[in-house]
Amino acid sequence: MFKKLVTPMLIGAITLIGAFLVLHYNRGPMNTVEPLSAPIPLIDSSIPAELETATFALGCFWAPDARFGSTLGVVRTLVGYSGGTQANPTYRSIGDHTETVQIDYDPSKISYGELLNIFWESHNPSHESWYQQYKSIIFYESEDQRTLAHESKSMRESELNRMIYTEIRPLDRFYVAEGYHQKYRLQQDRELMKEFESMYPDMGDFIDSTAAARVNGYLSGYGDPEMLQEELSQYGLTESGAEHLLDTFNERKGSIYC
C-alpha cells in the first residue's frame, strides 16, 4: 500500500525537477551546469528596420573598423576583403584583394556623404600604396554612391591641392575576414571580452553587435567622449567593465592606428 502511494509522488517530483533544469540551465561538457548567457545590451535591442551599407578600403581594416564603429548612426561594422578575383580569400592568402571595412548605418542619423568625410579624414589618400592589400578604394553599390564618391574625391583633391590615388569602383563581392580580425581591439581586452562572451557566445552575433562596435572604437581611442557618457549604460557592461572602458579611452584618445 505504501509503495503504491509513494511511487506516483516520486515520479511527479522528478518530472518537475527535470523540467526546471531544462528550462533554466544549459548542460555543458563533463556534466557541468552553466547558467544562461547574460541579456543583450540595450543598444542592440532596437536595430533600425531601414539600413544602408557603405564599403571602404583605407590602408588596413583594424583602425577603420574602430573609427567607424564609434560613430553615431553606425549600427554594425565588418572587416573583410574586396576588389580582387581570387575566390574565398584569407588573410594568409589574400590574392589580389584589398583589406576592407563594411558599414551598416542608419541614414536618418548619418549620411553617406558624412561617412565619406570620415573616410577621407582617416587616412592619407595622396600617398600611393605599393601593395594591393592596403590600397585606398571607395566601393559603391548604387549610382547615388558613385556620384557622391566622385564629387567628394574632387573636393578633397582641391582642398589638398595634390593628386589623390583613391580608386572608385563598383562593389563586386565582400568576403568577411576571419573572426580574430573582427573588433580586433576589443578581442585583445580580456576583461571586456569576457563580458561580451557572456552576452554573445556566438561569434556572428558578437560581430553584428552595435555595442561591440562602439566599445571596440572607444578602446582604440576613437569616438566622442560625450556620446560615450550618454550611451555607456546601453552597452551591457558591468560597473567595473564600464570604468575600465572609460579609463582606457582616456589613456588612448586618438592614439591607436593599424
Protein backbone atom coordinates (compact mmCIF):
# COMPACT_ATOMS: atom_id res chain seq x y z
CA MET A 1 0.00 0.00 0.00
CA PHE A 2 2.76 2.45 0.98
CA LYS A 3 4.69 1.64 -2.20
CA LYS A 4 1.67 2.33 -4.40
CA LEU A 5 1.10 5.74 -2.81
CA VAL A 6 4.72 6.95 -2.82
CA THR A 7 5.76 5.94 -6.34
CA PRO A 8 3.47 8.37 -8.24
CA MET A 9 4.55 11.19 -5.92
CA LEU A 10 8.22 10.48 -6.59
CA ILE A 11 7.66 10.30 -10.32
CA GLY A 12 5.83 13.61 -10.29
CA ALA A 13 8.55 15.29 -8.26
CA ILE A 14 11.30 14.01 -10.53
CA THR A 15 9.39 15.21 -13.60
CA LEU A 16 9.04 18.73 -12.19
CA ILE A 17 12.72 18.94 -11.25
CA GLY A 18 13.75 17.77 -14.72
CA ALA A 19 11.53 20.35 -16.40
CA PHE A 20 13.02 23.09 -14.21
CA LEU A 21 16.56 22.14 -15.18
CA VAL A 22 15.73 22.05 -18.90
CA LEU A 23 14.06 25.46 -18.81
CA HIS A 24 16.64 27.29 -16.70
CA TYR A 25 20.03 25.75 -17.44
CA ASN A 26 22.27 24.59 -20.25
CA ARG A 27 24.23 21.42 -19.54
CA GLY A 28 27.85 21.71 -20.69
CA PRO A 29 30.75 19.27 -21.02
CA MET A 30 31.70 16.96 -18.15
CA ASN A 31 28.07 17.17 -16.90
CA THR A 32 28.63 20.68 -15.52
CA VAL A 33 25.62 23.00 -15.31
CA GLU A 34 26.04 26.52 -16.71
CA PRO A 35 23.63 29.48 -16.40
CA LEU A 36 22.12 31.03 -19.50
CA SER A 37 24.05 33.89 -21.16
CA ALA A 38 23.68 37.48 -19.98
CA PRO A 39 20.99 39.72 -21.51
CA ILE A 40 21.92 41.51 -24.72
CA PRO A 41 22.87 45.21 -24.45
CA LEU A 42 20.06 47.72 -24.65
CA ILE A 43 21.59 49.41 -27.71
CA ASP A 44 21.32 46.08 -29.59
CA SER A 45 17.66 45.55 -28.80
CA SER A 46 16.32 48.24 -31.17
CA ILE A 47 18.06 47.94 -34.55
CA PRO A 48 16.50 50.25 -37.19
CA ALA A 49 14.49 48.47 -39.87
CA GLU A 50 15.98 50.51 -42.72
CA LEU A 51 19.75 50.33 -43.00
CA GLU A 52 22.15 51.23 -45.81
CA THR A 53 25.66 49.94 -46.44
CA ALA A 54 28.96 51.66 -47.22
CA THR A 55 32.17 49.82 -48.13
CA PHE A 56 35.64 51.39 -47.96
CA ALA A 57 39.28 50.37 -48.15
CA LEU A 58 41.70 52.78 -46.50
CA GLY A 59 45.04 51.19 -45.84
CA CYS A 60 44.10 48.42 -43.41
CA PHE A 61 40.98 47.33 -41.58
CA TRP A 62 41.57 47.24 -37.80
CA ALA A 63 41.64 51.01 -37.27
CA PRO A 64 38.80 51.84 -39.74
CA ASP A 65 36.65 49.20 -38.03
CA ALA A 66 37.19 51.05 -34.76
CA ARG A 67 36.86 54.54 -36.24
CA PHE A 68 33.54 53.91 -37.95
CA GLY A 69 32.24 51.72 -35.13
CA SER A 70 32.46 54.63 -32.68
CA THR A 71 30.37 56.87 -34.95
CA LEU A 72 26.76 57.81 -34.14
CA GLY A 73 24.43 56.29 -36.71
CA VAL A 74 26.66 53.32 -37.48
CA VAL A 75 24.85 50.13 -36.46
CA ARG A 76 27.40 47.42 -37.30
CA THR A 77 30.82 47.00 -38.88
CA LEU A 78 32.56 44.11 -40.59
CA VAL A 79 36.10 43.76 -41.88
CA GLY A 80 36.93 41.67 -44.90
CA TYR A 81 38.40 41.51 -48.38
CA SER A 82 37.15 43.03 -51.65
CA GLY A 83 38.19 44.14 -55.10
CA GLY A 84 40.00 41.06 -56.34
CA THR A 85 39.27 37.99 -58.40
CA GLN A 86 40.52 35.23 -56.09
CA ALA A 87 37.68 33.19 -54.60
CA ASN A 88 37.44 32.88 -50.82
CA PRO A 89 40.49 34.97 -49.86
CA THR A 90 42.00 34.75 -46.39
CA TYR A 91 44.48 36.92 -44.52
CA ARG A 92 47.26 34.45 -45.34
CA SER A 93 46.11 34.09 -48.94
CA ILE A 94 44.57 37.43 -49.84
CA GLY A 95 45.46 37.27 -53.53
CA ASP A 96 44.54 40.46 -55.40
CA HIS A 97 42.03 41.66 -52.81
CA THR A 98 42.24 44.69 -50.51
CA GLU A 99 41.55 44.93 -46.77
CA THR A 100 38.11 46.49 -46.49
CA VAL A 101 35.60 47.66 -43.89
CA GLN A 102 31.85 47.42 -44.46
CA ILE A 103 29.48 49.65 -42.51
CA ASP A 104 25.74 49.26 -41.99
CA TYR A 105 24.29 52.61 -40.97
CA ASP A 106 21.04 54.38 -40.17
CA PRO A 107 20.55 57.03 -42.92
CA SER A 108 18.26 59.01 -40.62
CA LYS A 109 21.23 59.66 -38.31
CA ILE A 110 24.22 59.80 -40.64
CA SER A 111 24.51 60.26 -44.39
CA TYR A 112 26.73 58.56 -46.93
CA GLY A 113 28.38 61.93 -47.52
CA GLU A 114 29.28 62.20 -43.83
CA LEU A 115 30.76 58.70 -43.93
CA LEU A 116 32.84 59.78 -46.93
CA ASN A 117 34.17 62.69 -44.86
CA ILE A 118 35.29 60.23 -42.17
CA PHE A 119 36.86 58.08 -44.88
CA TRP A 120 38.99 60.97 -46.17
CA GLU A 121 39.96 62.15 -42.69
CA SER A 122 41.01 58.68 -41.54
CA HIS A 123 43.92 58.11 -43.93
CA ASN A 124 46.24 59.84 -46.37
CA PRO A 125 44.77 59.31 -49.86
CA SER A 126 47.56 61.27 -51.52
CA HIS A 127 50.01 58.51 -50.62
CA GLU A 128 50.03 55.75 -53.23
CA SER A 129 50.14 52.27 -51.75
CA TRP A 130 52.57 49.88 -53.40
CA TYR A 131 50.60 46.92 -52.10
CA GLN A 132 47.17 45.88 -53.36
CA GLN A 133 46.28 44.77 -49.84
CA TYR A 134 46.41 48.35 -48.49
CA LYS A 135 45.01 50.44 -51.34
CA SER A 136 42.54 53.29 -50.90
CA ILE A 137 39.24 52.39 -52.58
CA ILE A 138 35.61 53.51 -52.37
CA PHE A 139 33.34 50.63 -53.36
CA TYR A 140 29.93 51.90 -54.44
CA GLU A 141 26.67 49.96 -54.57
CA SER A 142 24.42 52.48 -56.29
CA GLU A 143 24.55 55.32 -58.76
CA ASP A 144 23.99 57.80 -55.93
CA GLN A 145 27.01 56.44 -54.05
CA ARG A 146 29.12 56.57 -57.21
CA THR A 147 28.20 60.21 -57.83
CA LEU A 148 28.85 61.25 -54.24
CA ALA A 149 32.18 59.41 -54.21
CA HIS A 150 33.44 61.24 -57.32
CA GLU A 151 32.22 64.59 -56.04
CA SER A 152 33.91 64.12 -52.67
CA LYS A 153 37.14 62.99 -54.30
CA SER A 154 37.25 66.14 -56.46
CA MET A 155 36.63 68.30 -53.39
CA ARG A 156 39.36 66.54 -51.46
CA GLU A 157 41.87 67.00 -54.28
CA SER A 158 41.06 70.72 -54.36
CA GLU A 159 41.48 71.00 -50.59
CA LEU A 160 44.81 69.19 -50.58
CA ASN A 161 45.98 70.66 -53.88
CA ARG A 162 47.56 67.34 -54.79
CA MET A 163 46.72 64.12 -56.58
CA ILE A 164 44.59 61.56 -54.77
CA TYR A 165 45.17 57.89 -55.54
CA THR A 166 41.84 56.63 -54.21
CA GLU A 167 40.04 54.35 -56.65
CA ILE A 168 36.26 54.43 -57.07
CA ARG A 169 34.88 51.06 -58.12
CA PRO A 170 31.63 49.09 -58.03
CA LEU A 171 31.44 46.53 -55.23
CA ASP A 172 31.51 43.05 -56.72
CA ARG A 173 31.72 40.97 -53.57
CA PHE A 174 32.68 41.39 -49.94
CA TYR A 175 34.34 38.43 -48.22
CA VAL A 176 34.09 38.53 -44.43
CA ALA A 177 37.52 38.20 -42.76
CA GLU A 178 38.44 35.67 -40.12
CA GLY A 179 36.84 36.05 -36.70
CA TYR A 180 40.03 37.13 -34.94
CA HIS A 181 40.17 40.26 -37.12
CA GLN A 182 36.67 41.44 -36.16
CA LYS A 183 36.52 44.08 -33.41
CA TYR A 184 40.24 43.48 -33.00
CA ARG A 185 40.98 45.88 -30.12
CA LEU A 186 38.04 44.57 -28.12
CA GLN A 187 39.13 40.97 -28.60
CA GLN A 188 42.57 41.89 -27.20
CA ASP A 189 40.98 43.21 -23.98
CA ARG A 190 40.31 40.11 -21.87
CA GLU A 191 38.31 41.91 -19.16
CA LEU A 192 35.73 43.36 -21.54
CA MET A 193 35.81 40.44 -23.94
CA LYS A 194 34.82 38.13 -21.09
CA GLU A 195 31.68 40.23 -20.60
CA PHE A 196 30.85 40.18 -24.31
CA GLU A 197 31.39 36.43 -24.49
CA SER A 198 28.75 36.10 -21.78
CA MET A 199 26.32 38.26 -23.77
CA TYR A 200 27.24 36.83 -27.18
CA PRO A 201 28.61 33.26 -27.10
CA ASP A 202 28.16 33.12 -30.89
CA MET A 203 30.81 35.00 -32.91
CA GLY A 204 28.30 36.03 -35.58
CA ASP A 205 26.08 37.75 -33.01
CA PHE A 206 29.13 39.41 -31.47
CA ILE A 207 30.22 40.79 -34.85
CA ASP A 208 26.73 42.19 -35.52
CA SER A 209 26.54 43.96 -32.15
CA THR A 210 26.40 47.75 -32.10
CA ALA A 211 27.66 47.66 -28.51
CA ALA A 212 30.71 45.68 -29.60
CA ALA A 213 31.38 48.14 -32.43
CA ARG A 214 31.17 51.10 -30.04
CA VAL A 215 33.35 49.54 -27.32
CA ASN A 216 35.93 48.46 -29.92
CA GLY A 217 36.09 52.04 -31.17
CA TYR A 218 36.46 53.60 -27.74
CA LEU A 219 39.12 51.07 -26.72
CA SER A 220 41.06 52.24 -29.78
CA GLY A 221 40.89 55.88 -28.69
CA TYR A 222 38.26 56.95 -31.22
CA GLY A 223 34.86 58.49 -30.65
CA ASP A 224 33.21 61.39 -28.88
CA PRO A 225 33.54 61.45 -25.07
CA GLU A 226 30.09 62.98 -24.63
CA MET A 227 28.47 60.25 -26.73
CA LEU A 228 30.36 57.64 -24.72
CA GLN A 229 28.93 59.02 -21.48
CA GLU A 230 25.42 59.17 -22.95
CA GLU A 231 25.45 55.63 -24.36
CA LEU A 232 27.60 53.85 -21.76
CA SER A 233 24.67 52.37 -19.82
CA GLN A 234 23.36 50.80 -23.05
CA TYR A 235 26.45 48.64 -23.71
CA GLY A 236 25.52 45.90 -21.23
CA LEU A 237 28.75 46.26 -19.23
CA THR A 238 29.21 45.70 -15.52
CA GLU A 239 30.19 48.67 -13.36
CA SER A 240 33.84 47.60 -13.36
CA GLY A 241 33.71 47.00 -17.12
CA ALA A 242 32.32 50.48 -17.75
CA GLU A 243 35.03 52.05 -15.56
CA HIS A 244 37.70 50.08 -17.40
CA LEU A 245 36.38 51.30 -20.76
CA LEU A 246 36.38 54.94 -19.64
CA ASP A 247 39.91 54.70 -18.26
CA THR A 248 41.24 53.03 -21.42
CA PHE A 249 39.54 55.57 -23.69
CA ASN A 250 41.06 58.48 -21.79
CA GLU A 251 44.52 56.90 -22.00
CA ARG A 252 44.39 56.13 -25.72
CA LYS A 253 42.32 59.00 -27.10
CA GLY A 254 43.24 59.42 -30.78
CA SER A 255 46.42 57.38 -30.45
CA ILE A 256 45.69 53.93 -31.92
CA TYR A 257 46.34 53.09 -35.57
CA CYS A 258 46.72 49.91 -37.62
